[in-house]
Amino acid sequence: MLSYFVKRILLFFPSIFLIGAFTFLLFNATPTDSVASLLRLDGFEEKVISEKLYKSQYKKIASELGLDLPKFYFAFVPRYYPDTLHRIIDKQERKQIVDLLSHHNDWAAVSSFIYQGEVRLQSTETKETKKLITDLLWVVKPDDLDTKLISAMGTLTSPEVSTFLDQAQIVSQQKTSWFIFPKFLWFGTSNQYHAWISNFFSGSLGRSVQDGRPVWGKISKALGWTLSLVVLGLSFTILISVPLGIWSARNGNSRMVRLLSNFFYFIYAMPLFWFATLMVVFFTTAHYGNWTNIFPGVGINPYAGDESTVSKILANANQLILPVFCIVLNSIAYLSSIVRNSIIAESNQAYKTTALLKGLTEKATFWKHLFPNALLPLVTIIVGAVPASLAGSLIIEVIFNIPGIGRLMFDSIFGNDWYVIFSIVMLVGVVTVISYLIGDLLYSYLNPRIRFDQAKKV
């Protein structure tokens, strides 16, 4: 048991590492410029302030977010790439440099061309000259550089730009190798992924691009609402499903068992969003008759002052009745059938007959031996239900307007708030790994017939 426990703990860390790496990869694939969004929140509009001030603030925010660091611990790049390409923060600027390097495999020539162009842009005051230099410096397609250079040479005739034009002519000549030799770069812990995963576990998840609030502050408040739904829903489901499963197993194939089973399976077969919507439409209003006005309306009551999340949840307990009811009623059929089938399967085991022959009564045999063994499959189901409920809370929270992490995820997707979105994704991933780790350990402890720490020898 101890050996299995140690192995499972050791597997926990690479699992978290891989989940984090995959989440980080998706985060970096998003098209939205988070730095520009944060600058708008701070009042730095690109069209309002000067270009110099905007670039200065952009680099400052990007540096605070660690965007001037390499992406990962190591990288394989073409041999002609510089080791410091990651310091170029602007994605478009970096792409153009990569395109130039792919066209002319010489970083010394490309860097000299860019440097001379930047120097000329700072020294010239003519708008036309600046435009021509910019067009050459940041040409969209490097293959077009030669054409643009020919048309610009007739206008850019001053001696100051001759060095820049010479470098442009060198870069315009395509120089590529038929085989690209890679080189290995090691960056250590000074990289974006390491900073991101470290900040996640320390609670420093950055700022929301929607309102500028700390990401962890928004998630922690929303998590209280979601956990209240998960705990209440799971608790009532177990309290109802286990007795119902026992009753249906001990009453065989009676008419009442068949009726209840068919009813619950009919509810379970409905899509949850449709079932919840029907409950809201028909059972939260007196429009269809006074007897249909059973549950409170949808939504959370507004508050004055700064109350804690726990206080808000307790004050809105009546608003959680219907969403919890929908979760429970939708889950009873599946869980009760698991309990019923497990009890029936255990009833056919030889140890039941042995216990009866030793003098135990039917009731004592059931509660001392059969029932504990029949509940073992519930461990796996309950362990999997916790992260599944966190991930699947979006439907219920959107329909009932509950400010949990599902609703927060929904709003963040529409607001391109990627820091919040991927922090929630990472949180659910970590909870899932921890839940299944606890489930495996509990299952190995409760079932002495399982030996995880050693393989069976034939």
Protein backbone atom coordinates (compact mmCIF):
# COMPACT_ATOMS: atom_id res chain seq x y z
CA MET A 1 0.00 0.00 0.00
CA LEU A 2 2.78 2.41 0.93
CA SER A 3 4.65 1.63 -2.29
CA TYR A 4 1.52 2.31 -4.34
CA PHE A 5 0.88 5.55 -2.43
CA VAL A 6 4.41 6.80 -3.16
CA LYS A 7 4.13 5.87 -6.85
CA ARG A 8 0.82 7.68 -7.21
CA ILE A 9 2.21 10.80 -5.49
CA LEU A 10 5.23 10.77 -7.80
CA LEU A 11 2.96 10.47 -10.85
CA PHE A 12 0.98 13.48 -9.63
CA PHE A 13 3.74 15.96 -10.51
CA PRO A 14 4.32 14.95 -14.17
CA SER A 15 0.54 14.89 -14.64
CA ILE A 16 0.25 18.48 -13.40
CA PHE A 17 3.27 19.43 -15.53
CA LEU A 18 1.68 18.02 -18.71
CA ILE A 19 -1.72 19.59 -17.99
CA GLY A 20 -0.02 22.92 -17.37
CA ALA A 21 2.08 22.64 -20.54
CA PHE A 22 -0.98 21.86 -22.68
CA THR A 23 -2.98 24.70 -21.11
CA PHE A 24 -0.06 27.10 -21.58
CA LEU A 25 0.25 26.05 -25.23
CA LEU A 26 -3.44 26.85 -25.82
CA PHE A 27 -3.07 30.13 -23.95
CA ASN A 28 -0.23 31.24 -26.24
CA ALA A 29 -2.24 30.27 -29.33
CA THR A 30 -4.94 32.84 -28.57
CA PRO A 31 -5.08 35.73 -31.06
CA THR A 32 -5.96 38.48 -28.56
CA ASP A 33 -3.24 40.91 -27.44
CA SER A 34 -3.63 40.89 -23.65
CA VAL A 35 -1.04 43.65 -23.20
CA ALA A 36 -3.01 46.03 -25.43
CA SER A 37 -6.21 45.18 -23.50
CA LEU A 38 -4.54 45.94 -20.16
CA LEU A 39 -3.18 49.21 -21.53
CA ARG A 40 -6.70 50.28 -22.53
CA LEU A 41 -7.85 49.56 -18.96
CA ASP A 42 -5.03 51.77 -17.66
CA GLY A 43 -6.07 54.60 -19.98
CA PHE A 44 -3.32 54.24 -22.59
CA GLU A 45 -5.14 54.27 -25.91
CA GLU A 46 -2.86 53.81 -28.92
CA LYS A 47 -4.70 56.45 -30.95
CA VAL A 48 -4.80 59.00 -28.11
CA ILE A 49 -1.24 59.07 -26.72
CA SER A 50 2.02 59.38 -28.62
CA GLU A 51 3.50 56.31 -30.31
CA LYS A 52 6.67 56.57 -28.23
CA LEU A 53 4.78 56.64 -24.92
CA TYR A 54 2.52 53.78 -26.02
CA LYS A 55 5.49 51.58 -26.98
CA SER A 56 7.19 52.40 -23.67
CA GLN A 57 4.10 51.41 -21.66
CA TYR A 58 3.58 48.35 -23.84
CA LYS A 59 7.11 47.09 -23.11
CA LYS A 60 6.65 47.84 -19.41
CA ILE A 61 3.43 45.79 -19.11
CA ALA A 62 4.84 43.01 -21.28
CA SER A 63 7.95 42.84 -19.10
CA GLU A 64 5.79 42.65 -15.95
CA LEU A 65 3.91 39.72 -17.51
CA GLY A 66 7.19 38.02 -18.42
CA LEU A 67 6.54 38.13 -22.17
CA ASP A 68 10.17 39.03 -22.84
CA LEU A 69 11.24 35.60 -21.55
CA PRO A 70 11.57 32.42 -23.65
CA LYS A 71 8.45 30.27 -23.84
CA PHE A 72 9.82 27.07 -22.30
CA TYR A 73 12.84 25.55 -20.58
CA PHE A 74 14.49 24.72 -23.89
CA ALA A 75 14.04 25.14 -27.63
CA PHE A 76 15.25 23.71 -30.92
CA VAL A 77 15.68 26.46 -33.50
CA PRO A 78 17.47 26.85 -36.87
CA ARG A 79 21.16 27.53 -36.47
CA TYR A 80 20.85 31.05 -37.93
CA TYR A 81 18.33 32.16 -35.27
CA PRO A 82 19.65 34.47 -32.52
CA ASP A 83 19.53 33.22 -28.93
CA THR A 84 17.60 36.34 -27.87
CA LEU A 85 14.74 36.32 -30.38
CA HIS A 86 12.27 35.91 -27.48
CA ARG A 87 13.08 39.46 -26.31
CA ILE A 88 11.14 40.86 -29.26
CA ILE A 89 7.72 41.12 -27.63
CA ASP A 90 5.55 42.28 -30.52
CA LYS A 91 4.28 39.15 -32.31
CA GLN A 92 4.00 40.84 -35.71
CA GLU A 93 7.49 42.28 -35.47
CA ARG A 94 8.88 38.89 -34.44
CA LYS A 95 7.11 37.18 -37.35
CA GLN A 96 8.58 39.65 -39.83
CA ILE A 97 12.08 39.04 -38.47
CA VAL A 98 11.57 35.27 -38.73
CA ASP A 99 10.38 35.73 -42.33
CA LEU A 100 13.48 37.78 -43.14
CA LEU A 101 15.70 35.13 -41.57
CA SER A 102 13.98 32.44 -43.60
CA HIS A 103 14.66 34.49 -46.73
CA HIS A 104 18.27 35.34 -45.86
CA ASN A 105 19.86 32.87 -43.41
CA ASP A 106 22.26 35.36 -41.87
CA TRP A 107 21.32 37.00 -38.56
CA ALA A 108 24.24 39.44 -38.74
CA ALA A 109 23.00 40.84 -42.08
CA VAL A 110 19.34 40.93 -41.00
CA SER A 111 20.09 42.55 -37.61
CA SER A 112 22.32 45.19 -39.27
CA PHE A 113 19.54 45.94 -41.76
CA ILE A 114 16.97 46.39 -38.96
CA TYR A 115 19.34 48.46 -36.84
CA GLN A 116 20.24 50.83 -39.69
CA GLY A 117 16.53 51.22 -40.52
CA GLU A 118 15.61 52.07 -36.92
CA VAL A 119 18.43 54.62 -36.74
CA ARG A 120 17.28 56.29 -39.96
CA LEU A 121 13.67 56.39 -38.73
CA GLN A 122 14.71 58.23 -35.57
CA SER A 123 16.94 60.73 -37.41
CA THR A 124 14.69 61.65 -40.35
CA GLU A 125 11.79 64.07 -40.05
CA THR A 126 10.23 63.73 -43.51
CA LYS A 127 7.02 61.72 -43.48
CA GLU A 128 7.57 60.44 -47.00
CA THR A 129 11.08 59.22 -46.14
CA LYS A 130 9.82 57.57 -42.96
CA LYS A 131 7.13 55.75 -44.93
CA LEU A 132 9.59 54.47 -47.53
CA ILE A 133 12.02 53.25 -44.83
CA THR A 134 9.19 51.59 -42.89
CA ASP A 135 7.91 49.87 -46.04
CA LEU A 136 11.38 48.47 -46.62
CA LEU A 137 12.06 47.65 -42.99
CA TRP A 138 8.83 45.77 -42.34
CA VAL A 139 8.04 44.39 -45.77
CA VAL A 140 5.21 41.85 -45.60
CA LYS A 141 6.84 39.38 -48.01
CA PRO A 142 10.64 39.26 -48.04
CA ASP A 143 10.53 38.22 -51.72
CA ASP A 144 9.09 41.67 -52.49
CA LEU A 145 12.01 43.47 -50.80
CA ASP A 146 14.03 43.69 -54.01
CA THR A 147 11.12 45.27 -55.91
CA LYS A 148 10.45 47.83 -53.15
CA LEU A 149 14.16 48.60 -52.91
CA ILE A 150 14.39 49.49 -56.62
CA SER A 151 11.43 51.87 -56.37
CA ALA A 152 12.76 53.47 -53.17
CA MET A 153 16.32 54.05 -54.36
CA GLY A 154 15.18 56.82 -56.69
CA THR A 155 13.72 58.75 -53.74
CA LEU A 156 16.11 57.88 -50.90
CA THR A 157 19.20 59.55 -52.33
CA SER A 158 20.70 61.20 -49.22
CA PRO A 159 24.08 59.87 -48.02
CA GLU A 160 22.64 59.16 -44.54
CA VAL A 161 20.50 56.30 -45.86
CA SER A 162 23.15 54.76 -48.10
CA THR A 163 24.27 52.28 -45.41
CA PHE A 164 20.68 51.23 -44.84
CA LEU A 165 20.10 50.75 -48.57
CA ASP A 166 23.27 48.68 -48.83
CA GLN A 167 22.08 46.41 -46.06
CA ALA A 168 18.63 46.19 -47.64
CA GLN A 169 20.25 45.11 -50.91
CA ILE A 170 22.20 42.36 -49.12
CA VAL A 171 19.09 41.03 -47.34
CA SER A 172 17.01 41.22 -50.52
CA GLN A 173 19.28 38.61 -52.10
CA GLN A 174 17.83 35.24 -51.13
CA LYS A 175 20.30 33.09 -49.27
CA THR A 176 18.83 29.84 -47.98
CA SER A 177 20.34 26.44 -47.27
CA TRP A 178 18.86 23.20 -48.60
CA PHE A 179 19.30 21.69 -45.14
CA ILE A 180 18.74 23.64 -41.93
CA PHE A 181 20.97 22.56 -39.05
CA PRO A 182 19.11 22.90 -35.73
CA LYS A 183 20.64 24.11 -32.52
CA PHE A 184 19.60 23.44 -28.94
CA LEU A 185 18.97 26.33 -26.56
CA TRP A 186 18.64 25.82 -22.80
CA PHE A 187 16.99 28.65 -20.84
CA GLY A 188 16.55 27.06 -17.41
CA THR A 189 13.77 28.25 -15.12
CA SER A 190 13.84 31.77 -16.53
CA ASN A 191 10.99 31.15 -18.97
CA GLN A 192 7.31 32.02 -19.39
CA TYR A 193 5.93 28.57 -18.61
CA HIS A 194 7.84 28.25 -15.34
CA ALA A 195 6.69 31.73 -14.28
CA TRP A 196 3.11 30.94 -15.32
CA ILE A 197 2.85 27.62 -13.45
CA SER A 198 4.61 29.12 -10.39
CA ASN A 199 2.23 32.08 -10.35
CA PHE A 200 -0.74 29.72 -10.64
CA PHE A 201 0.16 27.82 -7.47
CA SER A 202 1.05 31.03 -5.63
CA GLY A 203 -2.27 32.63 -6.62
CA SER A 204 -0.69 35.41 -8.73
CA LEU A 205 -2.70 34.83 -11.90
CA GLY A 206 -2.48 38.34 -13.29
CA ARG A 207 -5.24 40.82 -14.04
CA SER A 208 -8.51 40.40 -15.86
CA VAL A 209 -8.57 42.28 -19.16
CA GLN A 210 -12.28 43.01 -18.67
CA ASP A 211 -12.19 44.98 -15.42
CA GLY A 212 -8.57 44.95 -14.26
CA ARG A 213 -9.38 42.95 -11.11
CA PRO A 214 -6.99 40.19 -9.94
CA VAL A 215 -7.87 36.92 -11.67
CA TRP A 216 -7.64 34.84 -8.50
CA GLY A 217 -9.98 37.24 -6.69
CA LYS A 218 -12.64 36.72 -9.37
CA ILE A 219 -12.17 32.94 -9.43
CA SER A 220 -12.17 32.52 -5.63
CA LYS A 221 -15.47 34.39 -5.29
CA ALA A 222 -17.06 32.42 -8.11
CA LEU A 223 -15.69 29.14 -6.74
CA GLY A 224 -17.77 29.51 -3.56
CA TRP A 225 -21.02 29.48 -5.55
CA THR A 226 -19.95 26.51 -7.66
CA LEU A 227 -18.79 24.49 -4.64
CA SER A 228 -22.11 25.13 -2.91
CA LEU A 229 -23.93 23.68 -5.93
CA VAL A 230 -21.52 20.73 -6.21
CA VAL A 231 -21.62 19.83 -2.50
CA LEU A 232 -25.39 20.20 -2.15
CA GLY A 233 -26.13 18.39 -5.41
CA LEU A 234 -23.74 15.51 -4.73
CA SER A 235 -24.86 15.13 -1.09
CA PHE A 236 -28.57 14.96 -1.90
CA THR A 237 -27.90 12.66 -4.86
CA ILE A 238 -26.05 10.16 -2.64
CA LEU A 239 -28.59 10.41 0.19
CA ILE A 240 -31.43 9.61 -2.21
CA SER A 241 -29.73 7.27 -4.69
CA VAL A 242 -28.19 4.83 -2.19
CA PRO A 243 -31.47 4.02 -0.33
CA LEU A 244 -33.32 3.97 -3.66
CA GLY A 245 -30.76 1.54 -5.12
CA ILE A 246 -30.99 -0.70 -2.05
CA TRP A 247 -34.79 -0.70 -2.15
CA SER A 248 -34.95 -1.47 -5.88
CA ALA A 249 -32.38 -4.28 -5.53
CA ARG A 250 -34.23 -5.93 -2.62
CA ASN A 251 -37.63 -5.60 -4.27
CA GLY A 252 -36.54 -7.30 -7.46
CA ASN A 253 -38.52 -6.56 -10.58
CA SER A 254 -41.73 -5.26 -9.01
CA ARG A 255 -44.07 -2.89 -10.81
CA MET A 256 -43.15 0.07 -8.58
CA VAL A 257 -39.43 -0.51 -9.22
CA ARG A 258 -40.01 -0.56 -12.97
CA LEU A 259 -42.13 2.61 -12.85
CA LEU A 260 -39.58 4.57 -10.82
CA SER A 261 -36.68 3.31 -12.94
CA ASN A 262 -38.40 4.32 -16.17
CA PHE A 263 -39.30 7.73 -14.73
CA PHE A 264 -35.76 8.50 -13.59
CA TYR A 265 -34.25 7.25 -16.84
CA PHE A 266 -36.68 9.48 -18.74
CA ILE A 267 -35.40 12.48 -16.73
CA TYR A 268 -31.78 11.37 -17.15
CA ALA A 269 -32.21 11.02 -20.92
CA MET A 270 -33.24 14.69 -21.22
CA PRO A 271 -30.40 17.14 -21.93
CA LEU A 272 -29.73 18.99 -18.68
CA PHE A 273 -30.06 22.44 -20.27
CA TRP A 274 -33.47 21.52 -21.69
CA PHE A 275 -34.74 19.99 -18.44
CA ALA A 276 -33.55 22.99 -16.41
CA THR A 277 -35.14 25.42 -18.87
CA LEU A 278 -38.48 23.57 -18.67
CA MET A 279 -38.38 23.72 -14.88
CA VAL A 280 -37.75 27.48 -14.98
CA VAL A 281 -40.50 28.13 -17.54
CA PHE A 282 -43.23 26.04 -15.90
CA PHE A 283 -42.44 25.96 -12.17
CA THR A 284 -41.19 29.44 -11.20
CA THR A 285 -44.29 31.43 -12.15
CA ALA A 286 -48.06 31.42 -11.57
CA HIS A 287 -48.69 32.01 -15.27
CA TYR A 288 -49.85 28.42 -15.76
CA GLY A 289 -51.72 28.22 -12.44
CA ASN A 290 -51.05 28.88 -8.78
CA TRP A 291 -49.97 25.26 -8.24
CA THR A 292 -47.08 25.68 -10.71
CA ASN A 293 -45.44 28.53 -8.73
CA ILE A 294 -43.35 26.11 -6.69
CA PHE A 295 -39.76 27.35 -6.84
CA PRO A 296 -38.20 30.82 -6.41
CA GLY A 297 -37.34 32.80 -9.54
CA VAL A 298 -34.01 32.78 -11.31
CA GLY A 299 -31.13 35.04 -10.29
CA ILE A 300 -29.24 36.26 -7.25
CA ASN A 301 -30.61 39.12 -5.18
CA PRO A 302 -28.57 42.36 -5.30
CA TYR A 303 -26.61 43.48 -2.25
CA ALA A 304 -25.57 46.78 -0.75
CA GLY A 305 -22.18 46.95 0.86
CA ASP A 306 -19.28 44.53 0.73
CA GLU A 307 -20.58 41.20 2.03
CA SER A 308 -18.61 37.98 1.97
CA THR A 309 -19.35 35.25 -0.57
CA VAL A 310 -20.49 32.91 2.21
CA SER A 311 -23.00 35.49 3.47
CA LYS A 312 -24.36 35.97 -0.04
CA ILE A 313 -24.73 32.23 -0.57
CA LEU A 314 -26.58 31.77 2.74
CA ALA A 315 -28.87 34.71 2.02
CA ASN A 316 -29.65 33.26 -1.43
CA ALA A 317 -30.14 29.68 -0.24
CA ASN A 318 -33.71 29.65 -1.58
CA GLN A 319 -32.39 30.61 -5.04
CA LEU A 320 -30.28 27.43 -5.08
CA ILE A 321 -33.24 25.10 -4.47
CA LEU A 322 -34.25 24.69 -8.12
CA PRO A 323 -30.73 24.32 -9.62
CA VAL A 324 -29.84 21.74 -6.95
CA PHE A 325 -33.15 19.97 -7.61
CA CYS A 326 -32.34 19.78 -11.34
CA ILE A 327 -28.86 18.40 -10.66
CA VAL A 328 -30.14 15.79 -8.20
CA LEU A 329 -33.10 14.62 -10.27
CA ASN A 330 -30.89 14.33 -13.35
CA SER A 331 -28.31 12.19 -11.49
CA ILE A 332 -30.49 9.89 -9.40
CA ALA A 333 -31.27 7.44 -12.23
CA TYR A 334 -27.63 6.76 -13.03
CA LEU A 335 -26.33 6.53 -9.45
CA SER A 336 -29.23 4.46 -8.10
CA SER A 337 -28.86 1.97 -10.97
CA ILE A 338 -25.13 1.61 -10.14
CA VAL A 339 -26.01 0.82 -6.51
CA ARG A 340 -28.77 -1.60 -7.54
CA ASN A 341 -26.61 -3.50 -10.05
CA SER A 342 -23.69 -3.64 -7.64
CA ILE A 343 -25.87 -5.08 -4.85
CA ILE A 344 -27.34 -7.69 -7.20
CA ALA A 345 -23.84 -8.65 -8.38
CA GLU A 346 -22.56 -9.00 -4.80
CA SER A 347 -25.62 -11.08 -3.88
CA ASN A 348 -24.44 -13.74 -6.32
CA GLN A 349 -20.98 -14.03 -4.72
CA ALA A 350 -20.01 -17.15 -2.78
CA TYR A 351 -19.19 -15.28 0.42
CA LYS A 352 -22.89 -14.52 0.95
CA THR A 353 -23.73 -18.23 1.03
CA THR A 354 -20.76 -18.87 3.33
CA ALA A 355 -21.92 -16.17 5.76
CA LEU A 356 -25.45 -17.59 5.83
CA LEU A 357 -24.13 -21.13 6.47
CA LYS A 358 -22.10 -19.81 9.40
CA GLY A 359 -25.32 -18.67 11.06
CA LEU A 360 -25.56 -14.99 10.10
CA THR A 361 -29.01 -13.70 9.35
CA GLU A 362 -29.96 -12.33 5.93
CA LYS A 363 -30.04 -8.81 7.37
CA ALA A 364 -26.68 -9.11 9.12
CA THR A 365 -25.08 -10.58 5.98
CA PHE A 366 -26.37 -7.74 3.91
CA TRP A 367 -25.22 -4.87 6.14
CA LYS A 368 -21.90 -6.38 7.32
CA HIS A 369 -20.61 -7.89 4.09
CA LEU A 370 -22.69 -7.32 0.98
CA PHE A 371 -23.52 -3.63 1.38
CA PRO A 372 -19.93 -2.36 2.06
CA ASN A 373 -18.61 -4.27 -0.97
CA ALA A 374 -21.47 -3.04 -3.15
CA LEU A 375 -20.62 0.60 -2.35
CA LEU A 376 -17.02 0.33 -3.60
CA PRO A 377 -17.93 1.35 -7.20
CA LEU A 378 -19.44 4.53 -5.76
CA VAL A 379 -15.97 5.69 -4.74
CA THR A 380 -14.87 5.95 -8.37
CA ILE A 381 -18.13 7.60 -9.41
CA ILE A 382 -18.13 10.17 -6.60
CA VAL A 383 -14.45 11.00 -7.16
CA GLY A 384 -15.11 11.57 -10.86
CA ALA A 385 -18.29 13.55 -10.13
CA VAL A 386 -16.47 16.37 -8.29
CA PRO A 387 -14.26 17.60 -11.19
CA ALA A 388 -17.03 16.79 -13.67
CA SER A 389 -19.41 19.01 -11.70
CA LEU A 390 -16.87 21.84 -11.67
CA ALA A 391 -16.38 21.56 -15.43
CA GLY A 392 -20.07 21.05 -16.19
CA SER A 393 -21.45 23.78 -13.96
CA LEU A 394 -21.59 26.22 -16.89
CA ILE A 395 -25.05 25.09 -18.08
CA ILE A 396 -26.76 25.33 -14.69
CA GLU A 397 -25.06 28.59 -13.71
CA VAL A 398 -25.90 30.33 -16.99
CA ILE A 399 -29.56 29.19 -16.95
CA PHE A 400 -30.08 30.16 -13.29
CA ASN A 401 -27.78 33.21 -13.41
CA ILE A 402 -25.54 31.98 -10.61
CA PRO A 403 -22.15 33.75 -10.45
CA GLY A 404 -20.02 30.58 -10.25
CA ILE A 405 -16.93 29.59 -12.24
CA GLY A 406 -19.10 28.23 -15.06
CA ARG A 407 -20.80 31.58 -15.48
CA LEU A 408 -17.44 33.33 -15.10
CA MET A 409 -16.00 31.13 -17.84
CA PHE A 410 -18.99 31.89 -20.08
CA ASP A 411 -18.63 35.67 -19.63
CA SER A 412 -14.84 35.52 -20.02
CA ILE A 413 -15.08 33.68 -23.34
CA PHE A 414 -17.26 36.42 -24.79
CA GLY A 415 -14.94 39.06 -23.34
CA ASN A 416 -11.71 37.39 -24.60
CA ASP A 417 -10.47 37.34 -21.01
CA TRP A 418 -7.93 34.57 -21.59
CA TYR A 419 -6.14 34.93 -18.26
CA VAL A 420 -9.38 34.01 -16.48
CA ILE A 421 -10.35 31.29 -18.97
CA PHE A 422 -7.11 29.32 -18.83
CA SER A 423 -6.75 29.80 -15.08
CA ILE A 424 -10.13 28.07 -14.68
CA VAL A 425 -9.09 25.34 -17.16
CA MET A 426 -5.90 24.75 -15.17
CA LEU A 427 -7.81 24.75 -11.87
CA VAL A 428 -10.26 22.11 -13.11
CA GLY A 429 -7.33 20.03 -14.40
CA VAL A 430 -5.56 20.13 -11.02
CA VAL A 431 -8.77 19.27 -9.13
CA THR A 432 -9.35 16.34 -11.52
CA VAL A 433 -5.88 14.89 -10.93
CA ILE A 434 -6.17 15.32 -7.15
CA SER A 435 -9.66 13.77 -7.10
CA TYR A 436 -8.60 10.67 -9.01
CA LEU A 437 -5.49 10.34 -6.84
CA ILE A 438 -7.65 10.37 -3.70
CA GLY A 439 -10.09 7.94 -5.35
CA ASP A 440 -7.35 5.44 -6.21
CA LEU A 441 -5.95 5.56 -2.69
CA LEU A 442 -9.39 5.14 -1.10
CA TYR A 443 -10.27 2.27 -3.41
CA SER A 444 -7.03 0.43 -2.63
CA TYR A 445 -7.63 0.95 1.11
CA LEU A 446 -11.28 -0.11 1.13
CA ASN A 447 -10.85 -3.15 -1.10
CA PRO A 448 -8.29 -5.55 0.43
CA ARG A 449 -8.53 -7.83 -2.61
CA ILE A 450 -6.63 -5.25 -4.71
CA ARG A 451 -2.83 -5.14 -4.49
CA PHE A 452 -1.46 -2.20 -6.39
CA ASP A 453 2.03 -2.37 -4.98
CA GLN A 454 3.00 -5.64 -6.58
CA ALA A 455 2.18 -7.49 -9.75
CA LYS A 456 0.58 -10.90 -9.65
CA LYS A 457 3.04 -13.69 -10.19
CA VAL A 458 1.93 -16.63 -12.30
